Amino acid sequence: MRELKKLRMSYPGASFEEAECGEVKEKPGYSKMRLKYIRMVKAEKLKSLILARIRVARLKLWVTRALTVMLLWAIARQLKSLGEAVSSARTPKSTFSFPLPPERVYENNGYLMVSSNGGLNQMRSGICDMVTVARFLNVTLIVPELDNTSFWNDYSQFADIFDVDYFIASLRDEVRILKKLPPAQKKKVDESVFSMPPISWSNMTYYYNVILPRIQTHEVVHFQKTDARLANNGLPQDVQKLRCRVNYEALRFAPPIQALAEKIVRILREKGPFLVLHLRYEMDMIAFSGCNEGCNEEEIDELTKMRYAYPWWKEKVIDSEKKRLAGLCPLTPEETALTLKALGIDRNIQVYIAAGDIYGGERRLATLRAAYPNLVKKETLLPPSDLDPFRNHSNQMAALDYYVAVESDIFVPTNGGNMAKVVEGHRRYLGFKETILLDRKAIVDLVDLFRAGSISWEEFSSEMKEAHADRMGNPAKRLVIPGKPKEEDYFYTNPEECLARLDEPRVVSDDQQQDVEP
């Protein structure tokens, strides 16, 4: 009976009969119904199996498509990086006398365009900072544009002054640098570009928290200014050392400038030691500073008119004498002659004037020439044809003087401008080469006392030497004034993080030595 109930429950609708002996007999037609039912069950199971397999197949197809998309994306990124490398038009390895460093591969966060501002050395420092910023933000730097709107009206671009291929190749292990934007980004920039001047004297936190998100948002960001955009102090060692590497190793002058500068040094060396005097006594400096010591009334009037002609020279009414006594004026040629003599500089040494035309010409140079008869300039050492390609390019002419100044036996700047500061730091980097850092306030006081007859020559010379005993470019700590970056020591004047200790001389490779020696 139990089996009958089970059969009835399993096959509803089927007909069963119970025999006397308890056997169960199927009613007629039951076999056909059971067979039909079994077929229905099998069909349902087969349908479910097929649907399950279809779902699995679809899932596999979706996964395959997703993996394919990811693979294609990765390949596209690699091809993009390769395209950027090709588009940078780097010089082939065979053009360099040294093996190129391995290229650093990193996830590119965007592109940084920069417009350098100021004179040659102001732009030089700014370029070093921008390379460093690009490196630590993991962005691609486009070769900087140089300032064509400054007072000097020089239309030279980066490749006219610096060896652009060497610059790109020598830094490839740190940062990707391209000569121009890739086509897609160029098209975007032609339509619109996000431009801004970064805040002066900023630390890396500012660049990580403010600048990087903007680059990631806009893909391309353009910096309108580059001067003094990184702090002097409080930066990681890696940041400071990269600034040095760019400045002293990667920024090599363009071959025509390099070759002519080496020629000047060679001519000077053949005649013995030489001193480079950065006599910052050109008309623009005298007009800008308002310092007119030794000028006649006609010259004072001319200088004043020039100062008022340039609206971006903010200071107009200047007390020349007060400024001079405070040590804020560039030394005159006459004051410079007395100073060099008092410091015991050999009168027979060659004195190379690294400057433009001295205001007042030979009249103002007479005292200096009498004290140092071997007074020369690039214009007197070279035939005119050598300088003709550079004459209308003040930054290229300044580059020639920069190289000679770095190579000199003694460097003496008469004013604390950008060239004086950057050359001082470069000479420290090369082993603390002698650089006489003139104390203009002490000099003016001593010169006035001597001229007035209040002290003898012996006293004058003794006091002058004492005032400069610790001002010869010796190792020193950089002056730090928190909150007043303009008043503290400039990083590029004394990059102490990059300087060897006296008991650990810096090792210079043959290639680096070739770059700085004639």
Protein backbone atom coordinates (compact mmCIF):
# COMPACT_ATOMS: atom_id res chain seq x y z
CA MET A 1 0.00 0.00 0.00
CA ARG A 2 2.84 2.33 0.79
CA GLU A 3 4.39 1.68 -2.62
CA LEU A 4 1.07 2.41 -4.24
CA LYS A 5 0.80 5.71 -2.45
CA LYS A 6 4.35 6.63 -3.51
CA LEU A 7 3.56 5.80 -7.11
CA ARG A 8 0.41 7.83 -6.97
CA MET A 9 2.29 10.75 -5.50
CA SER A 10 5.11 10.44 -8.05
CA TYR A 11 2.81 10.07 -11.02
CA PRO A 12 -0.33 12.02 -10.39
CA GLY A 13 -3.02 11.29 -12.91
CA ALA A 14 -1.82 7.73 -13.44
CA SER A 15 -4.26 4.83 -12.79
CA PHE A 16 -3.31 1.95 -10.54
CA GLU A 17 -5.13 -1.09 -9.35
CA GLU A 18 -4.46 -3.10 -6.18
CA ALA A 19 -4.58 -6.87 -6.59
CA GLU A 20 -5.75 -9.27 -3.95
CA CYS A 21 -2.25 -10.37 -3.19
CA GLY A 22 -1.22 -6.82 -2.71
CA GLU A 23 0.45 -6.47 -6.10
CA VAL A 24 0.02 -3.24 -7.96
CA LYS A 25 -1.00 -3.35 -11.54
CA GLU A 26 -0.83 -0.50 -13.99
CA LYS A 27 -3.95 0.53 -15.69
CA PRO A 28 -3.92 0.57 -19.47
CA GLY A 29 -2.21 3.74 -20.94
CA TYR A 30 -0.02 4.34 -17.92
CA SER A 31 3.31 3.45 -19.68
CA LYS A 32 2.69 6.03 -22.36
CA MET A 33 1.94 8.73 -19.79
CA ARG A 34 5.04 7.91 -17.76
CA LEU A 35 7.25 7.96 -20.84
CA LYS A 36 5.83 11.33 -21.82
CA TYR A 37 6.44 12.67 -18.37
CA ILE A 38 10.04 11.43 -18.29
CA ARG A 39 10.64 13.07 -21.64
CA MET A 40 9.27 16.35 -20.30
CA VAL A 41 11.57 16.18 -17.28
CA LYS A 42 14.59 15.44 -19.43
CA ALA A 43 13.69 18.28 -21.74
CA GLU A 44 13.47 20.69 -18.81
CA LYS A 45 16.82 19.53 -17.45
CA LEU A 46 18.42 19.84 -20.89
CA LYS A 47 16.97 23.31 -21.28
CA SER A 48 18.33 24.35 -17.87
CA LEU A 49 21.74 22.89 -18.74
CA ILE A 50 21.82 24.72 -22.05
CA LEU A 51 20.82 28.00 -20.40
CA ALA A 52 23.48 27.52 -17.74
CA ARG A 53 26.12 26.90 -20.37
CA ILE A 54 24.98 29.96 -22.31
CA ARG A 55 25.30 32.07 -19.15
CA VAL A 56 28.82 30.70 -18.51
CA ALA A 57 29.79 31.36 -22.12
CA ARG A 58 28.47 34.92 -21.91
CA LEU A 59 30.39 35.48 -18.67
CA LYS A 60 33.57 34.14 -20.24
CA LEU A 61 33.01 36.38 -23.26
CA TRP A 62 32.51 39.42 -21.01
CA VAL A 63 35.65 38.61 -19.00
CA THR A 64 37.61 38.09 -22.23
CA ARG A 65 36.39 41.42 -23.59
CA ALA A 66 37.29 43.20 -20.34
CA LEU A 67 40.78 41.69 -20.30
CA THR A 68 41.21 42.57 -23.98
CA VAL A 69 40.23 46.20 -23.32
CA MET A 70 42.65 46.42 -20.40
CA LEU A 71 45.43 44.89 -22.49
CA LEU A 72 44.75 47.27 -25.37
CA TRP A 73 44.75 50.20 -22.93
CA ALA A 74 48.11 49.13 -21.54
CA ILE A 75 49.51 48.74 -25.04
CA ALA A 76 48.15 52.16 -25.98
CA ARG A 77 49.86 53.72 -22.95
CA GLN A 78 53.15 52.13 -23.92
CA LEU A 79 52.76 53.25 -27.52
CA LYS A 80 51.94 56.75 -26.32
CA SER A 81 55.11 56.84 -24.25
CA LEU A 82 57.07 55.53 -27.20
CA GLY A 83 55.50 58.13 -29.45
CA GLU A 84 56.42 60.88 -27.03
CA ALA A 85 59.97 59.65 -26.93
CA VAL A 86 60.14 59.64 -30.71
CA SER A 87 58.46 63.03 -31.00
CA SER A 88 61.06 64.57 -28.72
CA ALA A 89 63.56 64.12 -31.57
CA ARG A 90 66.40 63.32 -29.29
CA THR A 91 69.91 63.26 -30.62
CA PRO A 92 71.11 59.70 -31.40
CA LYS A 93 73.36 58.12 -28.83
CA SER A 94 76.27 58.19 -31.25
CA THR A 95 76.46 61.98 -30.97
CA PHE A 96 77.46 61.78 -27.31
CA SER A 97 80.85 60.74 -26.02
CA PHE A 98 79.31 58.96 -23.05
CA PRO A 99 76.62 56.29 -22.56
CA LEU A 100 73.18 57.72 -21.96
CA PRO A 101 71.59 56.99 -18.57
CA PRO A 102 68.71 54.49 -18.60
CA GLU A 103 65.38 56.16 -19.26
CA ARG A 104 63.12 56.47 -16.23
CA VAL A 105 59.69 54.96 -16.86
CA TYR A 106 56.81 56.42 -14.89
CA GLU A 107 53.08 57.02 -15.10
CA ASN A 108 52.81 60.43 -16.75
CA ASN A 109 50.50 62.77 -14.82
CA GLY A 110 50.36 65.39 -17.56
CA TYR A 111 52.42 68.07 -19.29
CA LEU A 112 54.11 71.19 -17.96
CA MET A 113 54.87 74.13 -20.23
CA VAL A 114 56.91 77.03 -18.83
CA SER A 115 57.83 80.53 -19.97
CA SER A 116 61.04 81.61 -18.29
CA ASN A 117 61.35 85.28 -17.35
CA GLY A 118 64.20 87.70 -16.71
CA GLY A 119 67.79 87.77 -17.88
CA LEU A 120 69.96 84.77 -18.71
CA ASN A 121 70.89 83.75 -15.18
CA GLN A 122 67.45 84.40 -13.75
CA MET A 123 66.03 82.13 -16.45
CA ARG A 124 68.77 79.58 -15.87
CA SER A 125 67.85 79.16 -12.21
CA GLY A 126 64.16 79.03 -13.06
CA ILE A 127 64.74 76.27 -15.60
CA CYS A 128 66.52 74.20 -12.95
CA ASP A 129 63.56 74.61 -10.63
CA MET A 130 61.02 73.67 -13.30
CA VAL A 131 62.90 70.48 -14.22
CA THR A 132 62.90 69.57 -10.54
CA VAL A 133 59.18 70.27 -10.14
CA ALA A 134 58.36 68.19 -13.23
CA ARG A 135 60.46 65.29 -11.94
CA PHE A 136 58.79 65.07 -8.55
CA LEU A 137 55.27 65.57 -9.92
CA ASN A 138 55.88 62.81 -12.49
CA VAL A 139 54.88 65.00 -15.41
CA THR A 140 56.42 65.59 -18.83
CA LEU A 141 58.27 68.87 -19.23
CA ILE A 142 58.23 70.72 -22.54
CA VAL A 143 61.53 72.48 -23.30
CA PRO A 144 61.15 75.92 -21.68
CA GLU A 145 60.49 79.07 -23.67
CA LEU A 146 62.85 81.95 -22.96
CA ASP A 147 61.83 85.53 -22.24
CA ASN A 148 61.68 87.67 -25.39
CA THR A 149 59.96 90.63 -23.74
CA SER A 150 62.54 91.71 -21.16
CA PHE A 151 64.56 94.92 -21.19
CA TRP A 152 67.30 93.26 -23.24
CA ASN A 153 64.94 92.49 -26.14
CA ASP A 154 66.69 89.24 -27.03
CA TYR A 155 64.73 86.80 -29.17
CA SER A 156 66.99 83.81 -28.49
CA GLN A 157 65.26 80.57 -27.61
CA PHE A 158 66.45 77.62 -25.53
CA ALA A 159 68.31 75.85 -28.34
CA ASP A 160 70.12 79.09 -29.25
CA ILE A 161 71.76 79.24 -25.82
CA PHE A 162 71.76 75.71 -24.39
CA ASP A 163 72.54 72.32 -25.90
CA VAL A 164 68.95 71.11 -25.99
CA ASP A 165 69.72 67.53 -27.05
CA TYR A 166 72.28 67.10 -24.27
CA PHE A 167 69.81 68.65 -21.82
CA ILE A 168 67.09 66.14 -22.71
CA ALA A 169 69.33 63.09 -22.92
CA SER A 170 71.38 63.69 -19.78
CA LEU A 171 68.23 63.98 -17.63
CA ARG A 172 66.30 61.06 -19.12
CA ASP A 173 66.86 58.98 -16.00
CA GLU A 174 64.99 61.60 -13.98
CA VAL A 175 62.29 63.17 -16.12
CA ARG A 176 60.81 63.01 -19.61
CA ILE A 177 61.48 66.22 -21.56
CA LEU A 178 60.03 66.88 -25.00
CA LYS A 179 60.89 69.62 -27.47
CA LYS A 180 57.19 70.13 -28.18
CA LEU A 181 53.80 68.83 -27.12
CA PRO A 182 52.47 65.65 -28.76
CA PRO A 183 49.88 66.39 -31.50
CA ALA A 184 46.80 65.63 -29.39
CA GLN A 185 47.89 67.90 -26.55
CA LYS A 186 49.09 70.56 -29.00
CA LYS A 187 45.63 70.67 -30.58
CA LYS A 188 44.07 71.03 -27.14
CA VAL A 189 46.43 73.84 -26.15
CA ASP A 190 45.76 75.68 -29.41
CA GLU A 191 42.14 75.89 -28.36
CA SER A 192 42.78 76.86 -24.72
CA VAL A 193 45.39 76.31 -22.04
CA PHE A 194 45.35 76.75 -18.27
CA SER A 195 48.03 79.35 -17.48
CA MET A 196 49.19 80.56 -14.10
CA PRO A 197 52.26 81.87 -12.25
CA PRO A 198 53.19 79.51 -9.40
CA ILE A 199 53.61 81.19 -6.02
CA SER A 200 57.15 82.42 -5.34
CA TRP A 201 59.41 80.61 -2.86
CA SER A 202 57.06 77.62 -2.57
CA ASN A 203 57.92 74.27 -1.04
CA MET A 204 57.08 70.90 -2.59
CA THR A 205 53.87 70.57 -0.58
CA TYR A 206 52.42 73.43 -2.61
CA TYR A 207 53.29 71.67 -5.84
CA TYR A 208 51.88 68.33 -4.66
CA ASN A 209 48.66 69.75 -3.22
CA VAL A 210 47.90 72.63 -5.59
CA ILE A 211 49.75 72.22 -8.87
CA LEU A 212 49.53 68.46 -9.40
CA PRO A 213 45.70 68.32 -9.16
CA ARG A 214 45.51 71.15 -11.71
CA ILE A 215 47.76 69.30 -14.11
CA GLN A 216 45.71 66.13 -13.67
CA THR A 217 42.53 68.10 -14.31
CA HIS A 218 43.69 70.08 -17.34
CA GLU A 219 46.34 67.62 -18.63
CA VAL A 220 48.48 70.59 -19.74
CA VAL A 221 49.38 73.51 -17.48
CA HIS A 222 51.43 76.54 -18.50
CA PHE A 223 53.58 78.45 -15.99
CA GLN A 224 53.88 82.13 -16.95
CA LYS A 225 56.87 82.73 -14.66
CA THR A 226 59.71 80.61 -13.35
CA ASP A 227 61.92 82.93 -11.29
CA ALA A 228 62.26 82.07 -7.60
CA ARG A 229 59.35 79.60 -7.63
CA LEU A 230 61.05 77.12 -5.30
CA ALA A 231 62.12 77.84 -1.74
CA ASN A 232 65.78 78.20 -0.83
CA ASN A 233 65.48 75.98 2.22
CA GLY A 234 63.31 73.31 3.82
CA LEU A 235 63.28 71.05 0.75
CA PRO A 236 64.25 67.34 0.66
CA GLN A 237 67.85 66.50 -0.18
CA ASP A 238 66.80 64.78 -3.41
CA VAL A 239 65.09 67.95 -4.58
CA GLN A 240 68.10 70.15 -3.82
CA LYS A 241 70.55 67.76 -5.45
CA LEU A 242 68.52 67.56 -8.63
CA ARG A 243 68.50 71.37 -8.84
CA CYS A 244 72.29 71.21 -8.73
CA ARG A 245 72.53 68.45 -11.29
CA VAL A 246 70.45 70.39 -13.78
CA ASN A 247 72.36 73.62 -13.22
CA TYR A 248 75.92 72.35 -13.19
CA GLU A 249 75.75 69.29 -15.42
CA ALA A 250 72.71 69.31 -17.73
CA LEU A 251 72.66 72.98 -18.77
CA ARG A 252 75.59 72.97 -21.15
CA PHE A 253 75.82 75.84 -23.61
CA ALA A 254 74.96 75.38 -27.27
CA PRO A 255 77.96 74.25 -29.37
CA PRO A 256 78.62 77.65 -31.04
CA ILE A 257 78.65 79.44 -27.67
CA GLN A 258 80.64 76.68 -25.99
CA ALA A 259 83.28 76.66 -28.73
CA LEU A 260 83.77 80.44 -28.73
CA ALA A 261 83.84 80.64 -24.92
CA GLU A 262 86.51 77.93 -24.84
CA LYS A 263 88.48 79.94 -27.39
CA ILE A 264 88.38 83.03 -25.16
CA VAL A 265 89.59 81.03 -22.16
CA ARG A 266 92.33 79.46 -24.26
CA ILE A 267 93.57 82.89 -25.40
CA LEU A 268 93.63 84.12 -21.80
CA ARG A 269 95.32 81.00 -20.45
CA GLU A 270 98.13 81.30 -22.99
CA LYS A 271 99.09 84.61 -21.37
CA GLY A 272 98.81 83.47 -17.77
CA PRO A 273 96.26 83.69 -14.96
CA PHE A 274 93.25 85.92 -15.33
CA LEU A 275 90.64 87.59 -13.14
CA VAL A 276 87.08 88.07 -14.32
CA LEU A 277 85.59 91.35 -13.15
CA HIS A 278 81.81 91.45 -13.38
CA LEU A 279 81.76 95.24 -13.58
CA ARG A 280 78.04 95.88 -13.49
CA TYR A 281 78.25 99.48 -14.58
CA GLU A 282 76.16 99.49 -17.74
CA MET A 283 73.63 102.23 -18.40
CA ASP A 284 70.57 100.13 -17.56
CA MET A 285 71.96 99.15 -14.15
CA ILE A 286 72.96 102.68 -13.23
CA ALA A 287 69.58 104.06 -14.31
CA PHE A 288 67.66 101.31 -12.52
CA SER A 289 69.62 101.63 -9.28
CA GLY A 290 69.57 105.44 -9.29
CA CYS A 291 73.25 105.45 -8.32
CA ASN A 292 75.08 108.32 -10.01
CA GLU A 293 78.40 108.52 -8.15
CA GLY A 294 80.98 110.07 -10.49
CA CYS A 295 78.42 111.05 -13.16
CA ASN A 296 78.12 114.60 -14.49
CA GLU A 297 74.85 116.55 -14.61
CA GLU A 298 74.13 115.60 -18.20
CA GLU A 299 74.57 111.91 -17.42
CA ILE A 300 72.41 112.15 -14.29
CA ASP A 301 69.62 113.71 -16.35
CA GLU A 302 69.95 110.99 -19.00
CA LEU A 303 69.81 108.23 -16.39
CA THR A 304 66.79 109.74 -14.67
CA LYS A 305 64.86 109.96 -17.95
CA MET A 306 65.65 106.34 -18.66
CA ARG A 307 64.41 105.26 -15.23
CA TYR A 308 61.08 107.01 -15.76
CA ALA A 309 60.75 105.55 -19.25
CA TYR A 310 60.25 102.03 -17.92
CA PRO A 311 57.04 101.71 -15.88
CA TRP A 312 58.01 98.32 -14.42
CA TRP A 313 61.00 99.98 -12.72
CA LYS A 314 58.89 100.93 -9.72
CA GLU A 315 61.39 103.02 -7.75
CA LYS A 316 61.67 106.46 -9.37
CA VAL A 317 62.85 109.00 -6.77
CA ILE A 318 66.16 107.73 -5.40
CA ASP A 319 68.67 109.33 -3.04
CA SER A 320 71.89 108.21 -4.69
CA GLU A 321 74.24 109.17 -1.87
CA LYS A 322 72.13 107.56 0.83
CA LYS A 323 71.86 104.37 -1.18
CA ARG A 324 75.60 104.33 -1.83
CA LEU A 325 76.50 104.72 1.84
CA ALA A 326 74.19 101.80 2.64
CA GLY A 327 76.21 99.63 0.27
CA LEU A 328 73.34 99.23 -2.18
CA CYS A 329 74.99 100.70 -5.28
CA PRO A 330 77.16 98.88 -7.80
CA LEU A 331 80.78 99.90 -7.35
CA THR A 332 82.10 102.45 -9.81
CA PRO A 333 85.15 101.62 -11.95
CA GLU A 334 87.19 104.03 -9.80
CA GLU A 335 86.09 102.42 -6.53
CA THR A 336 86.78 98.99 -8.03
CA ALA A 337 90.35 99.95 -9.01
CA LEU A 338 91.15 101.11 -5.47
CA THR A 339 89.60 97.97 -3.98
CA LEU A 340 91.55 95.53 -6.15
CA LYS A 341 94.81 97.34 -5.45
CA ALA A 342 94.13 97.40 -1.71
CA LEU A 343 93.39 93.68 -1.73
CA GLY A 344 96.80 93.05 -3.26
CA ILE A 345 95.70 91.85 -6.69
CA ASP A 346 98.76 91.73 -8.96
CA ARG A 347 98.68 94.68 -11.38
CA ASN A 348 100.03 92.43 -14.16
CA ILE A 349 97.16 89.95 -14.02
CA GLN A 350 94.76 89.93 -16.95
CA VAL A 351 91.47 91.52 -15.95
CA TYR A 352 88.63 90.36 -18.17
CA ILE A 353 85.56 92.61 -17.93
CA ALA A 354 82.44 90.47 -18.08
CA ALA A 355 79.86 93.12 -18.90
CA GLY A 356 78.30 95.15 -21.65
CA ASP A 357 79.32 98.67 -22.53
CA ILE A 358 80.54 100.55 -19.44
CA TYR A 359 78.59 103.75 -18.92
CA GLY A 360 80.85 106.71 -19.58
CA GLY A 361 83.18 104.62 -21.73
CA GLU A 362 86.93 105.07 -21.55
CA ARG A 363 86.59 108.16 -19.37
CA ARG A 364 85.24 106.03 -16.55
CA LEU A 365 87.64 103.15 -17.23
CA ALA A 366 90.79 105.29 -17.17
CA THR A 367 91.54 104.77 -13.47
CA LEU A 368 90.97 101.03 -13.68
CA ARG A 369 93.10 100.71 -16.81
CA ALA A 370 95.93 102.68 -15.20
CA ALA A 371 95.88 100.32 -12.22
CA TYR A 372 95.52 97.17 -14.36
CA PRO A 373 96.94 97.72 -17.85
CA ASN A 374 96.03 94.19 -19.01
CA LEU A 375 92.35 95.10 -19.12
CA VAL A 376 90.51 93.08 -21.77
CA LYS A 377 87.04 92.16 -23.01
CA LYS A 378 85.80 89.58 -25.46
CA GLU A 379 85.57 92.37 -28.02
CA THR A 380 89.32 93.04 -27.70
CA LEU A 381 90.37 89.39 -27.65
CA LEU A 382 88.41 88.18 -30.68
CA PRO A 383 88.12 89.34 -34.27
CA PRO A 384 84.77 91.03 -34.99
CA SER A 385 83.70 88.16 -37.25
CA ASP A 386 83.76 85.75 -34.28
CA LEU A 387 81.25 87.84 -32.35
CA ASP A 388 79.03 88.91 -35.24
CA PRO A 389 76.59 85.96 -34.87
CA PHE A 390 76.01 86.90 -31.20
CA ARG A 391 76.06 90.71 -31.21
CA ASN A 392 72.31 91.32 -31.31
CA HIS A 393 71.61 88.66 -28.70
CA SER A 394 72.44 89.92 -25.23
CA ASN A 395 71.72 86.56 -23.56
CA GLN A 396 74.11 84.77 -25.88
CA MET A 397 76.79 87.38 -25.17
CA ALA A 398 76.10 86.95 -21.45
CA ALA A 399 76.52 83.19 -21.85
CA LEU A 400 80.05 83.75 -23.19
CA ASP A 401 80.89 85.86 -20.13
CA TYR A 402 79.32 83.30 -17.79
CA TYR A 403 81.54 80.52 -19.08
CA VAL A 404 84.69 82.64 -18.85
CA ALA A 405 83.74 83.76 -15.33
CA VAL A 406 83.31 80.17 -14.14
CA GLU A 407 86.70 79.24 -15.62
CA SER A 408 88.65 82.21 -14.24
CA ASP A 409 91.35 82.04 -11.57
CA ILE A 410 89.58 84.77 -9.59
CA PHE A 411 86.03 86.05 -9.94
CA VAL A 412 85.08 89.48 -8.61
CA PRO A 413 81.51 90.80 -8.95
CA THR A 414 80.94 94.49 -8.15
CA ASN A 415 77.19 94.09 -7.62
CA GLY A 416 75.03 91.34 -6.18
CA GLY A 417 72.98 90.58 -9.28
CA ASN A 418 71.82 87.26 -10.70
CA MET A 419 75.02 86.52 -12.62
CA ALA A 420 77.16 87.24 -9.57
CA LYS A 421 75.06 84.89 -7.44
CA VAL A 422 74.83 82.01 -9.89
CA VAL A 423 78.50 82.13 -10.90
CA GLU A 424 79.49 82.20 -7.22
CA GLY A 425 77.50 79.01 -6.59
CA HIS A 426 78.90 77.34 -9.70
CA ARG A 427 82.46 78.06 -8.58
CA ARG A 428 81.71 76.66 -5.13
CA TYR A 429 80.43 73.49 -6.81
CA LEU A 430 83.68 73.19 -8.78
CA GLY A 431 85.76 73.11 -5.62
CA PHE A 432 85.39 76.52 -3.98
CA LYS A 433 87.29 78.42 -6.66
CA GLU A 434 88.40 81.85 -5.44
CA THR A 435 85.54 84.33 -5.56
CA ILE A 436 85.97 87.71 -3.86
CA LEU A 437 82.60 88.78 -2.49
CA LEU A 438 82.98 92.52 -2.08
CA ASP A 439 81.49 94.20 0.99
CA ARG A 440 80.26 97.34 -0.73
CA LYS A 441 79.31 99.18 2.44
CA ALA A 442 82.75 98.64 3.98
CA ILE A 443 84.41 99.58 0.70
CA VAL A 444 82.50 102.85 0.34
CA ASP A 445 83.34 103.84 3.93
CA LEU A 446 87.04 103.05 3.45
CA VAL A 447 87.25 104.74 0.04
CA ASP A 448 85.71 107.93 1.39
CA LEU A 449 88.11 107.93 4.36
CA PHE A 450 91.09 107.38 2.08
CA ARG A 451 90.05 110.04 -0.40
CA ALA A 452 89.53 112.47 2.44
CA GLY A 453 93.05 111.78 3.70
CA SER A 454 91.77 110.41 7.00
CA ILE A 455 93.68 107.11 6.62
CA SER A 456 96.95 106.21 4.89
CA TRP A 457 97.27 103.75 2.04
CA GLU A 458 98.70 101.15 4.40
CA GLU A 459 95.74 101.54 6.74
CA PHE A 460 93.33 101.53 3.82
CA SER A 461 94.82 98.30 2.40
CA SER A 462 94.99 96.61 5.80
CA GLU A 463 91.37 97.43 6.62
CA MET A 464 90.24 96.29 3.17
CA LYS A 465 91.97 92.91 3.52
CA GLU A 466 90.56 92.41 7.00
CA ALA A 467 87.04 93.21 5.81
CA HIS A 468 87.30 90.52 3.11
CA ALA A 469 89.24 87.82 4.93
CA ASP A 470 86.16 85.59 5.11
CA ARG A 471 84.64 86.65 1.79
CA MET A 472 86.65 84.55 -0.66
CA GLY A 473 84.03 81.96 -1.56
CA ASN A 474 85.06 79.66 1.29
CA PRO A 475 82.74 76.92 2.59
CA ALA A 476 79.98 78.47 4.67
CA LYS A 477 76.46 77.77 5.89
CA ARG A 478 73.67 79.30 3.89
CA LEU A 479 71.95 82.11 5.80
CA VAL A 480 68.35 81.15 6.57
CA ILE A 481 65.76 83.78 7.52
CA PRO A 482 62.36 82.11 8.03
CA GLY A 483 59.57 84.01 6.32
CA LYS A 484 61.98 86.34 4.46
CA PRO A 485 63.30 84.41 1.47
CA LYS A 486 64.42 87.56 -0.37
CA GLU A 487 66.71 88.50 2.50
CA GLU A 488 68.30 85.11 3.11
CA ASP A 489 71.03 83.52 1.01
CA TYR A 490 69.92 82.37 -2.41
CA PHE A 491 70.11 78.61 -2.93
CA TYR A 492 72.09 78.89 -6.16
CA THR A 493 74.65 81.15 -4.47
CA ASN A 494 75.58 78.49 -1.93
CA PRO A 495 74.07 75.08 -2.77
CA GLU A 496 75.64 73.50 0.30
CA GLU A 497 73.59 70.29 0.01
CA CYS A 498 75.54 69.55 -3.18
CA LEU A 499 79.01 70.62 -2.07
CA ALA A 500 81.79 68.30 -1.02
CA ARG A 501 83.37 68.71 2.37
CA LEU A 502 86.92 69.97 2.27
CA ASP A 503 88.20 66.55 3.34
CA GLU A 504 86.04 64.86 0.71
CA PRO A 505 86.76 66.46 -2.65
CA ARG A 506 84.02 66.08 -5.24
CA VAL A 507 84.84 63.51 -7.90
CA VAL A 508 84.29 64.90 -11.41
CA SER A 509 83.90 62.50 -14.32
CA ASP A 510 85.93 62.93 -17.50
CA ASP A 511 82.80 64.06 -19.36
CA GLN A 512 81.91 66.64 -16.71
CA GLN A 513 85.52 67.84 -16.65
CA GLN A 514 85.43 68.27 -20.40
CA ASP A 515 82.37 70.47 -20.01
CA VAL A 516 84.07 72.94 -17.68
CA GLU A 517 87.66 72.93 -18.86
CA PRO A 518 89.00 74.27 -22.16
